Amino acid sequence: MRGVVLWALLASIAFLATAAAFLLLASLGGGPESAPIPRADPSESQERSALSLKIPEDRLEELEREPGQRLTLDLENGGEEELADVNLALDVVSENTAQPRARSYRETLERLAPDETASVEFEIDLSPPVPASEPNPGIEPQYREILEARASASGGVSDVKTAVLAP
């Protein structure tokens, strides 16, 4: 019994000593001389991105789970210089990671002038995957499709947009 009490007393003292050491270190680390983290001010005028990719929501709502669906993406050059070799990639993947199904589509624009907006149309396959022989074929879960559009141009400018389509 005496050993248990002594062990509990020493464990409490060790805990208190450790807690005091952490509090001391914490108080030494954050003094008034440390600068606060700057916050982004939305009222500040921010420079336009040189390359802007847009996926209009109304076009996404029109898509159906069938092959041969047409999706038009808009690319805008908001910079002051012409962009050359603008590569546009569209990847369509299922959220079902047990049966991955990815489809990739690519297009290239040779030139995109300053303040010009170009529309690029893709014909994509949104048909559901062919189900494997399952024990319960009458109940098939519907998975969402994830669209990731990437645009990049020479000079290192790029933009990425992601959309999730409901089943």
N, C-alpha and C. Protein backbone atom coordinates (compact mmCIF):
# COMPACT_ATOMS: atom_id res chain seq x y z
N MET A 1 0.83 -1.19 0.00
CA MET A 1 0.00 0.00 0.00
C MET A 1 0.87 1.25 0.00
N ARG A 2 1.93 1.18 0.79
CA ARG A 2 2.83 2.32 0.89
C ARG A 2 3.49 2.59 -0.47
N GLY A 3 3.83 1.52 -1.20
CA GLY A 3 4.46 1.66 -2.51
C GLY A 3 3.54 2.33 -3.52
N VAL A 4 2.23 2.01 -3.46
CA VAL A 4 1.27 2.59 -4.39
C VAL A 4 1.12 4.08 -4.13
N VAL A 5 1.05 4.47 -2.85
CA VAL A 5 0.92 5.88 -2.50
C VAL A 5 2.17 6.65 -2.93
N LEU A 6 3.33 6.06 -2.67
CA LEU A 6 4.58 6.72 -3.05
C LEU A 6 4.66 6.86 -4.58
N TRP A 7 4.26 5.80 -5.31
CA TRP A 7 4.27 5.87 -6.77
C TRP A 7 3.33 6.95 -7.28
N ALA A 8 2.12 7.05 -6.73
CA ALA A 8 1.15 8.07 -7.13
C ALA A 8 1.67 9.46 -6.84
N LEU A 9 2.32 9.65 -5.69
CA LEU A 9 2.87 10.96 -5.32
C LEU A 9 3.98 11.36 -6.29
N LEU A 10 4.88 10.43 -6.61
CA LEU A 10 5.98 10.75 -7.53
C LEU A 10 5.46 10.99 -8.95
N ALA A 11 4.44 10.25 -9.37
CA ALA A 11 3.87 10.46 -10.70
C ALA A 11 3.22 11.84 -10.78
N SER A 12 2.54 12.27 -9.71
CA SER A 12 1.91 13.60 -9.68
C SER A 12 2.96 14.69 -9.73
N ILE A 13 4.03 14.52 -8.99
CA ILE A 13 5.11 15.52 -9.00
C ILE A 13 5.76 15.60 -10.39
N ALA A 14 5.98 14.44 -11.03
CA ALA A 14 6.57 14.43 -12.36
C ALA A 14 5.63 15.12 -13.36
N PHE A 15 4.32 14.86 -13.24
CA PHE A 15 3.36 15.50 -14.13
C PHE A 15 3.37 17.01 -13.95
N LEU A 16 3.35 17.48 -12.71
CA LEU A 16 3.35 18.91 -12.44
C LEU A 16 4.64 19.57 -12.93
N ALA A 17 5.78 18.90 -12.77
CA ALA A 17 7.05 19.45 -13.24
C ALA A 17 7.06 19.56 -14.77
N THR A 18 6.53 18.56 -15.44
CA THR A 18 6.48 18.59 -16.90
C THR A 18 5.54 19.69 -17.39
N ALA A 19 4.38 19.81 -16.77
CA ALA A 19 3.43 20.85 -17.15
C ALA A 19 4.03 22.23 -16.94
N ALA A 20 4.72 22.43 -15.83
CA ALA A 20 5.35 23.72 -15.55
C ALA A 20 6.43 24.03 -16.60
N ALA A 21 7.19 23.02 -17.01
CA ALA A 21 8.23 23.23 -18.03
C ALA A 21 7.60 23.65 -19.36
N PHE A 22 6.51 22.99 -19.76
CA PHE A 22 5.84 23.37 -21.01
C PHE A 22 5.25 24.77 -20.93
N LEU A 23 4.68 25.14 -19.81
CA LEU A 23 4.13 26.49 -19.65
C LEU A 23 5.23 27.54 -19.72
N LEU A 24 6.38 27.25 -19.12
CA LEU A 24 7.51 28.17 -19.15
C LEU A 24 8.00 28.34 -20.60
N LEU A 25 8.13 27.23 -21.32
CA LEU A 25 8.58 27.33 -22.72
C LEU A 25 7.57 28.07 -23.58
N ALA A 26 6.29 27.86 -23.34
CA ALA A 26 5.26 28.54 -24.12
C ALA A 26 5.27 30.04 -23.86
N SER A 27 5.51 30.42 -22.63
CA SER A 27 5.52 31.86 -22.31
C SER A 27 6.76 32.54 -22.87
N LEU A 28 7.85 31.82 -23.02
CA LEU A 28 9.06 32.40 -23.59
C LEU A 28 8.96 32.55 -25.10
N GLY A 29 8.19 31.69 -25.76
CA GLY A 29 8.14 31.68 -27.22
C GLY A 29 7.29 32.78 -27.82
N GLY A 30 6.25 33.22 -27.22
CA GLY A 30 5.34 34.18 -27.84
C GLY A 30 5.32 35.50 -27.11
N GLY A 31 6.35 36.27 -27.26
CA GLY A 31 6.42 37.57 -26.61
C GLY A 31 5.79 38.65 -27.46
N PRO A 32 5.70 39.87 -26.96
CA PRO A 32 5.10 40.96 -27.71
C PRO A 32 5.90 41.36 -28.95
N GLU A 33 7.17 40.93 -29.03
CA GLU A 33 7.98 41.30 -30.18
C GLU A 33 7.64 40.49 -31.43
N SER A 34 6.89 39.39 -31.30
CA SER A 34 6.54 38.62 -32.48
C SER A 34 5.40 39.32 -33.22
N ALA A 35 5.55 39.42 -34.51
CA ALA A 35 4.57 40.13 -35.34
C ALA A 35 3.33 39.25 -35.55
N PRO A 36 2.16 39.86 -35.58
CA PRO A 36 0.95 39.07 -35.84
C PRO A 36 0.91 38.60 -37.29
N ILE A 37 0.16 37.55 -37.52
CA ILE A 37 0.02 37.03 -38.87
C ILE A 37 -0.84 38.00 -39.67
N PRO A 38 -0.36 38.46 -40.83
CA PRO A 38 -1.15 39.43 -41.61
C PRO A 38 -2.40 38.76 -42.17
N ARG A 39 -3.49 39.51 -42.19
CA ARG A 39 -4.74 39.02 -42.73
C ARG A 39 -4.95 39.59 -44.13
N ALA A 40 -5.59 38.79 -44.96
CA ALA A 40 -5.89 39.24 -46.31
C ALA A 40 -7.05 40.22 -46.24
N ASP A 41 -6.89 41.35 -46.87
CA ASP A 41 -7.94 42.36 -46.89
C ASP A 41 -8.64 42.29 -48.23
N PRO A 42 -9.91 41.85 -48.24
CA PRO A 42 -10.60 41.73 -49.53
C PRO A 42 -10.82 43.06 -50.24
N SER A 43 -10.74 44.17 -49.51
CA SER A 43 -10.94 45.46 -50.15
C SER A 43 -9.73 45.91 -50.96
N GLU A 44 -8.57 45.29 -50.70
CA GLU A 44 -7.37 45.65 -51.46
C GLU A 44 -7.55 45.18 -52.90
N SER A 45 -7.07 46.00 -53.81
CA SER A 45 -7.18 45.61 -55.22
C SER A 45 -6.14 44.54 -55.48
N GLN A 46 -6.61 43.41 -55.96
CA GLN A 46 -5.71 42.31 -56.25
C GLN A 46 -5.50 42.23 -57.75
N GLU A 47 -4.30 41.89 -58.14
CA GLU A 47 -3.95 41.80 -59.55
C GLU A 47 -4.68 40.62 -60.19
N ARG A 48 -5.18 40.84 -61.39
CA ARG A 48 -5.87 39.77 -62.10
C ARG A 48 -4.89 38.67 -62.46
N SER A 49 -5.38 37.46 -62.43
CA SER A 49 -4.56 36.33 -62.83
C SER A 49 -4.35 36.38 -64.34
N ALA A 50 -3.16 36.01 -64.77
CA ALA A 50 -2.87 36.06 -66.19
C ALA A 50 -3.70 35.04 -66.97
N LEU A 51 -3.99 33.90 -66.37
CA LEU A 51 -4.77 32.87 -67.04
C LEU A 51 -5.90 32.45 -66.11
N SER A 52 -7.12 32.56 -66.59
CA SER A 52 -8.28 32.24 -65.77
C SER A 52 -9.13 31.19 -66.48
N LEU A 53 -9.43 30.13 -65.78
CA LEU A 53 -10.22 29.03 -66.30
C LEU A 53 -11.58 29.07 -65.63
N LYS A 54 -12.64 28.93 -66.41
CA LYS A 54 -14.00 28.99 -65.85
C LYS A 54 -14.80 27.79 -66.34
N ILE A 55 -15.53 27.18 -65.39
CA ILE A 55 -16.48 26.12 -65.70
C ILE A 55 -17.85 26.63 -65.28
N PRO A 56 -18.64 27.17 -66.19
CA PRO A 56 -19.94 27.72 -65.81
C PRO A 56 -20.86 26.64 -65.23
N GLU A 57 -21.51 26.98 -64.11
CA GLU A 57 -22.37 26.02 -63.42
C GLU A 57 -23.55 25.59 -64.27
N ASP A 58 -24.09 26.49 -65.10
CA ASP A 58 -25.24 26.09 -65.92
C ASP A 58 -24.86 25.00 -66.91
N ARG A 59 -23.61 24.99 -67.36
CA ARG A 59 -23.17 23.93 -68.26
C ARG A 59 -23.01 22.61 -67.52
N LEU A 60 -22.59 22.68 -66.26
CA LEU A 60 -22.46 21.46 -65.46
C LEU A 60 -23.82 20.84 -65.17
N GLU A 61 -24.82 21.70 -64.95
CA GLU A 61 -26.16 21.20 -64.64
C GLU A 61 -26.80 20.50 -65.83
N GLU A 62 -26.39 20.84 -67.04
CA GLU A 62 -26.94 20.24 -68.25
C GLU A 62 -26.38 18.85 -68.54
N LEU A 63 -25.27 18.48 -67.89
CA LEU A 63 -24.63 17.21 -68.18
C LEU A 63 -25.45 16.04 -67.64
N GLU A 64 -25.44 14.94 -68.40
CA GLU A 64 -26.14 13.73 -68.00
C GLU A 64 -25.15 12.58 -67.96
N ARG A 65 -25.51 11.50 -67.26
CA ARG A 65 -24.62 10.34 -67.12
C ARG A 65 -24.70 9.46 -68.37
N GLU A 66 -24.18 10.00 -69.47
CA GLU A 66 -24.20 9.31 -70.76
C GLU A 66 -22.90 9.62 -71.51
N PRO A 67 -22.55 8.81 -72.46
CA PRO A 67 -21.39 9.15 -73.30
C PRO A 67 -21.76 10.29 -74.25
N GLY A 68 -20.76 10.96 -74.77
CA GLY A 68 -20.99 12.00 -75.77
C GLY A 68 -21.51 13.31 -75.21
N GLN A 69 -21.28 13.59 -73.95
CA GLN A 69 -21.71 14.85 -73.36
C GLN A 69 -20.73 15.95 -73.76
N ARG A 70 -21.25 17.13 -74.04
CA ARG A 70 -20.40 18.26 -74.44
C ARG A 70 -20.28 19.24 -73.28
N LEU A 71 -19.02 19.57 -72.96
CA LEU A 71 -18.74 20.53 -71.90
C LEU A 71 -17.79 21.58 -72.46
N THR A 72 -18.20 22.84 -72.33
CA THR A 72 -17.39 23.95 -72.84
C THR A 72 -16.76 24.68 -71.66
N LEU A 73 -15.45 24.82 -71.71
CA LEU A 73 -14.70 25.56 -70.69
C LEU A 73 -14.24 26.88 -71.29
N ASP A 74 -14.22 27.92 -70.47
CA ASP A 74 -13.79 29.24 -70.92
C ASP A 74 -12.42 29.55 -70.36
N LEU A 75 -11.52 30.00 -71.21
CA LEU A 75 -10.17 30.41 -70.83
C LEU A 75 -10.03 31.89 -71.11
N GLU A 76 -9.56 32.63 -70.12
CA GLU A 76 -9.38 34.07 -70.31
C GLU A 76 -7.94 34.45 -70.00
N ASN A 77 -7.36 35.24 -70.89
CA ASN A 77 -6.03 35.78 -70.67
C ASN A 77 -6.21 37.17 -70.06
N GLY A 78 -6.03 37.27 -68.75
CA GLY A 78 -6.19 38.55 -68.06
C GLY A 78 -4.89 39.33 -67.98
N GLY A 79 -3.83 38.81 -68.54
CA GLY A 79 -2.55 39.48 -68.49
C GLY A 79 -2.39 40.49 -69.62
N GLU A 80 -1.22 41.07 -69.67
CA GLU A 80 -0.93 42.09 -70.68
C GLU A 80 -0.13 41.54 -71.85
N GLU A 81 0.26 40.25 -71.76
CA GLU A 81 1.05 39.65 -72.82
C GLU A 81 0.30 38.48 -73.43
N GLU A 82 0.59 38.21 -74.69
CA GLU A 82 -0.01 37.07 -75.37
C GLU A 82 0.55 35.78 -74.79
N LEU A 83 -0.32 34.80 -74.60
CA LEU A 83 0.10 33.49 -74.10
C LEU A 83 0.20 32.53 -75.26
N ALA A 84 1.29 31.78 -75.30
CA ALA A 84 1.50 30.81 -76.37
C ALA A 84 1.42 29.40 -75.80
N ASP A 85 0.98 28.48 -76.61
CA ASP A 85 0.88 27.06 -76.25
C ASP A 85 0.14 26.87 -74.93
N VAL A 86 -1.11 27.23 -74.92
CA VAL A 86 -1.95 27.07 -73.74
C VAL A 86 -2.51 25.65 -73.77
N ASN A 87 -2.12 24.85 -72.79
CA ASN A 87 -2.57 23.46 -72.70
C ASN A 87 -3.73 23.37 -71.74
N LEU A 88 -4.75 22.67 -72.15
CA LEU A 88 -5.94 22.49 -71.32
C LEU A 88 -6.16 21.00 -71.15
N ALA A 89 -6.28 20.57 -69.90
CA ALA A 89 -6.50 19.15 -69.59
C ALA A 89 -7.77 19.03 -68.76
N LEU A 90 -8.57 18.05 -69.07
CA LEU A 90 -9.79 17.77 -68.32
C LEU A 90 -9.77 16.30 -67.93
N ASP A 91 -9.79 16.05 -66.63
CA ASP A 91 -9.81 14.68 -66.11
C ASP A 91 -11.14 14.44 -65.43
N VAL A 92 -11.75 13.31 -65.75
CA VAL A 92 -13.01 12.90 -65.14
C VAL A 92 -12.75 11.59 -64.41
N VAL A 93 -12.95 11.60 -63.10
CA VAL A 93 -12.73 10.40 -62.29
C VAL A 93 -13.95 10.16 -61.41
N SER A 94 -14.15 8.91 -61.06
CA SER A 94 -15.25 8.54 -60.18
C SER A 94 -14.77 8.63 -58.74
N GLU A 95 -15.68 8.96 -57.83
CA GLU A 95 -15.31 8.98 -56.43
C GLU A 95 -15.20 7.57 -55.86
N ASN A 96 -15.60 6.57 -56.63
CA ASN A 96 -15.51 5.18 -56.20
C ASN A 96 -14.07 4.72 -56.37
N THR A 97 -13.32 4.75 -55.30
CA THR A 97 -11.90 4.38 -55.38
C THR A 97 -11.70 2.88 -55.42
N ALA A 98 -12.74 2.10 -55.12
CA ALA A 98 -12.62 0.65 -55.20
C ALA A 98 -12.55 0.20 -56.66
N GLN A 99 -13.21 0.93 -57.55
CA GLN A 99 -13.17 0.63 -58.97
C GLN A 99 -12.83 1.93 -59.72
N PRO A 100 -11.56 2.31 -59.71
CA PRO A 100 -11.20 3.59 -60.33
C PRO A 100 -11.48 3.58 -61.84
N ARG A 101 -11.99 4.69 -62.29
CA ARG A 101 -12.29 4.86 -63.72
C ARG A 101 -11.98 6.30 -64.08
N ALA A 102 -10.88 6.51 -64.73
CA ALA A 102 -10.46 7.87 -65.09
C ALA A 102 -10.49 8.03 -66.61
N ARG A 103 -10.98 9.17 -67.04
CA ARG A 103 -10.97 9.55 -68.43
C ARG A 103 -10.27 10.89 -68.53
N SER A 104 -9.36 11.02 -69.50
CA SER A 104 -8.60 12.26 -69.67
C SER A 104 -8.79 12.80 -71.07
N TYR A 105 -8.89 14.12 -71.14
CA TYR A 105 -9.09 14.81 -72.41
C TYR A 105 -8.11 15.98 -72.47
N ARG A 106 -7.54 16.24 -73.65
CA ARG A 106 -6.54 17.29 -73.81
C ARG A 106 -6.84 18.14 -75.04
N GLU A 107 -6.54 19.42 -74.91
CA GLU A 107 -6.64 20.36 -76.03
C GLU A 107 -5.50 21.37 -75.87
N THR A 108 -5.08 21.97 -76.99
CA THR A 108 -4.04 22.99 -76.96
C THR A 108 -4.47 24.17 -77.81
N LEU A 109 -4.32 25.36 -77.25
CA LEU A 109 -4.53 26.59 -78.00
C LEU A 109 -3.15 27.14 -78.34
N GLU A 110 -2.94 27.48 -79.60
CA GLU A 110 -1.63 27.99 -80.00
C GLU A 110 -1.35 29.36 -79.40
N ARG A 111 -2.36 30.22 -79.40
CA ARG A 111 -2.17 31.59 -78.89
C ARG A 111 -3.44 32.05 -78.21
N LEU A 112 -3.25 32.88 -77.19
CA LEU A 112 -4.37 33.52 -76.50
C LEU A 112 -3.95 34.97 -76.24
N ALA A 113 -4.57 35.89 -76.96
CA ALA A 113 -4.20 37.30 -76.89
C ALA A 113 -4.62 37.91 -75.56
N PRO A 114 -4.02 39.05 -75.18
CA PRO A 114 -4.41 39.71 -73.93
C PRO A 114 -5.89 40.09 -73.95
N ASP A 115 -6.55 39.90 -72.82
CA ASP A 115 -7.99 40.19 -72.64
C ASP A 115 -8.88 39.38 -73.58
N GLU A 116 -8.37 38.31 -74.14
CA GLU A 116 -9.17 37.45 -75.01
C GLU A 116 -9.72 36.28 -74.18
N THR A 117 -10.95 35.87 -74.51
CA THR A 117 -11.55 34.70 -73.89
C THR A 117 -11.82 33.69 -74.98
N ALA A 118 -11.35 32.47 -74.77
CA ALA A 118 -11.56 31.40 -75.74
C ALA A 118 -12.40 30.32 -75.09
N SER A 119 -13.31 29.76 -75.84
CA SER A 119 -14.13 28.65 -75.37
C SER A 119 -13.62 27.38 -76.01
N VAL A 120 -13.40 26.37 -75.17
CA VAL A 120 -12.90 25.08 -75.65
C VAL A 120 -13.94 24.03 -75.29
N GLU A 121 -14.37 23.28 -76.30
CA GLU A 121 -15.41 22.28 -76.07
C GLU A 121 -14.80 20.88 -76.04
N PHE A 122 -15.22 20.11 -75.04
CA PHE A 122 -14.79 18.73 -74.90
C PHE A 122 -16.02 17.84 -75.05
N GLU A 123 -15.83 16.71 -75.68
CA GLU A 123 -16.87 15.68 -75.69
C GLU A 123 -16.41 14.61 -74.70
N ILE A 124 -17.16 14.48 -73.61
CA ILE A 124 -16.72 13.62 -72.51
C ILE A 124 -17.69 12.47 -72.29
N ASP A 125 -17.18 11.41 -71.71
CA ASP A 125 -17.97 10.22 -71.41
C ASP A 125 -18.31 10.23 -69.92
N LEU A 126 -19.57 10.41 -69.61
CA LEU A 126 -20.02 10.39 -68.22
C LEU A 126 -20.89 9.17 -67.93
N SER A 127 -20.83 8.17 -68.80
CA SER A 127 -21.65 6.99 -68.59
C SER A 127 -21.15 6.23 -67.35
N PRO A 128 -22.09 5.61 -66.62
CA PRO A 128 -21.68 4.85 -65.45
C PRO A 128 -20.86 3.63 -65.88
N PRO A 129 -19.98 3.16 -65.02
CA PRO A 129 -19.16 2.00 -65.39
C PRO A 129 -20.04 0.76 -65.53
N VAL A 130 -19.58 -0.16 -66.36
CA VAL A 130 -20.30 -1.41 -66.52
C VAL A 130 -20.11 -2.21 -65.24
N PRO A 131 -21.21 -2.57 -64.55
CA PRO A 131 -21.05 -3.25 -63.28
C PRO A 131 -20.51 -4.67 -63.47
N ALA A 132 -19.60 -5.04 -62.58
CA ALA A 132 -19.09 -6.40 -62.58
C ALA A 132 -20.17 -7.30 -62.01
N SER A 133 -20.03 -8.57 -62.21
CA SER A 133 -21.06 -9.48 -61.68
C SER A 133 -21.03 -9.42 -60.16
N GLU A 134 -22.08 -8.87 -59.62
CA GLU A 134 -22.19 -8.70 -58.18
C GLU A 134 -23.29 -9.62 -57.67
N PRO A 135 -23.23 -9.97 -56.39
CA PRO A 135 -24.26 -10.86 -55.86
C PRO A 135 -25.65 -10.23 -55.85
N ASN A 136 -25.74 -8.90 -55.82
CA ASN A 136 -27.02 -8.22 -55.74
C ASN A 136 -27.11 -7.21 -56.88
N PRO A 137 -27.37 -7.65 -58.12
CA PRO A 137 -27.32 -6.72 -59.25
C PRO A 137 -28.45 -5.70 -59.26
N GLY A 138 -29.51 -5.90 -58.51
CA GLY A 138 -30.62 -4.96 -58.50
C GLY A 138 -30.30 -3.66 -57.81
N ILE A 139 -29.38 -3.67 -56.89
CA ILE A 139 -29.02 -2.46 -56.13
C ILE A 139 -27.62 -2.04 -56.53
N GLU A 140 -27.53 -0.97 -57.29
CA GLU A 140 -26.23 -0.47 -57.72
C GLU A 140 -26.07 0.95 -57.19
N PRO A 141 -25.05 1.21 -56.36
CA PRO A 141 -24.88 2.57 -55.84
C PRO A 141 -24.45 3.53 -56.94
N GLN A 142 -24.90 4.76 -56.84
CA GLN A 142 -24.52 5.80 -57.77
C GLN A 142 -23.38 6.61 -57.15
N TYR A 143 -22.31 6.79 -57.89
CA TYR A 143 -21.17 7.55 -57.41
C TYR A 143 -21.07 8.87 -58.17
N ARG A 144 -20.54 9.85 -57.50
CA ARG A 144 -20.35 11.15 -58.13
C ARG A 144 -19.12 11.12 -59.03
N GLU A 145 -19.13 11.99 -60.01
CA GLU A 145 -17.98 12.16 -60.90
C GLU A 145 -17.28 13.45 -60.52
N ILE A 146 -15.96 13.43 -60.54
CA ILE A 146 -15.16 14.60 -60.20
C ILE A 146 -14.45 15.06 -61.47
N LEU A 147 -14.66 16.32 -61.81
CA LEU A 147 -14.02 16.91 -62.98
C LEU A 147 -12.93 17.86 -62.51
N GLU A 148 -11.73 17.67 -63.04
CA GLU A 148 -10.63 18.58 -62.73
C GLU A 148 -10.10 19.14 -64.04
N ALA A 149 -10.20 20.46 -64.19
CA ALA A 149 -9.73 21.13 -65.39
C ALA A 149 -8.46 21.90 -65.04
N ARG A 150 -7.42 21.72 -65.86
CA ARG A 150 -6.15 22.41 -65.65
C ARG A 150 -5.75 23.13 -66.92
N ALA A 151 -5.36 24.38 -66.78
CA ALA A 151 -4.87 25.15 -67.91
C ALA A 151 -3.47 25.65 -67.55
N SER A 152 -2.56 25.53 -68.50
CA SER A 152 -1.20 26.03 -68.28
C SER A 152 -0.66 26.56 -69.59
N ALA A 153 0.18 27.57 -69.44
CA ALA A 153 0.78 28.18 -70.63
C ALA A 153 2.27 28.36 -70.38
N SER A 154 2.99 28.61 -71.48
CA SER A 154 4.41 28.87 -71.34
C SER A 154 4.60 30.12 -70.48
N GLY A 155 5.62 30.13 -69.69
CA GLY A 155 5.84 31.24 -68.78
C GLY A 155 5.40 30.90 -67.36
N GLY A 156 4.88 29.70 -67.17
CA GLY A 156 4.54 29.25 -65.82
C GLY A 156 3.18 29.68 -65.31
N VAL A 157 2.34 30.28 -66.12
CA VAL A 157 1.01 30.67 -65.65
C VAL A 157 0.08 29.47 -65.77
N SER A 158 -0.77 29.29 -64.75
CA SER A 158 -1.69 28.16 -64.78
C SER A 158 -2.90 28.45 -63.90
N ASP A 159 -3.91 27.62 -64.07
CA ASP A 159 -5.13 27.72 -63.25
C ASP A 159 -5.74 26.32 -63.20
N VAL A 160 -6.39 26.01 -62.07
CA VAL A 160 -7.03 24.72 -61.87
C VAL A 160 -8.41 24.95 -61.30
N LYS A 161 -9.39 24.24 -61.83
CA LYS A 161 -10.76 24.28 -61.30
C LYS A 161 -11.25 22.85 -61.14
N THR A 162 -12.02 22.62 -60.08
CA THR A 162 -12.57 21.31 -59.81
C THR A 162 -14.07 21.42 -59.62
N ALA A 163 -14.80 20.44 -60.14
CA ALA A 163 -16.25 20.40 -59.97
C ALA A 163 -16.65 18.97 -59.64
N VAL A 164 -17.68 18.82 -58.82
CA VAL A 164 -18.18 17.51 -58.45
C VAL A 164 -19.62 17.41 -58.98
N LEU A 165 -19.87 16.38 -59.77
CA LEU A 165 -21.18 16.17 -60.36
C LEU A 165 -21.99 15.21 -59.49
N ALA A 166 -23.21 15.55 -59.21
CA ALA A 166 -24.08 14.69 -58.43
C ALA A 166 -24.43 13.45 -59.24
N PRO A 167 -24.73 12.33 -58.57
CA PRO A 167 -25.07 11.10 -59.31
C PRO A 167 -26.37 11.25 -60.07
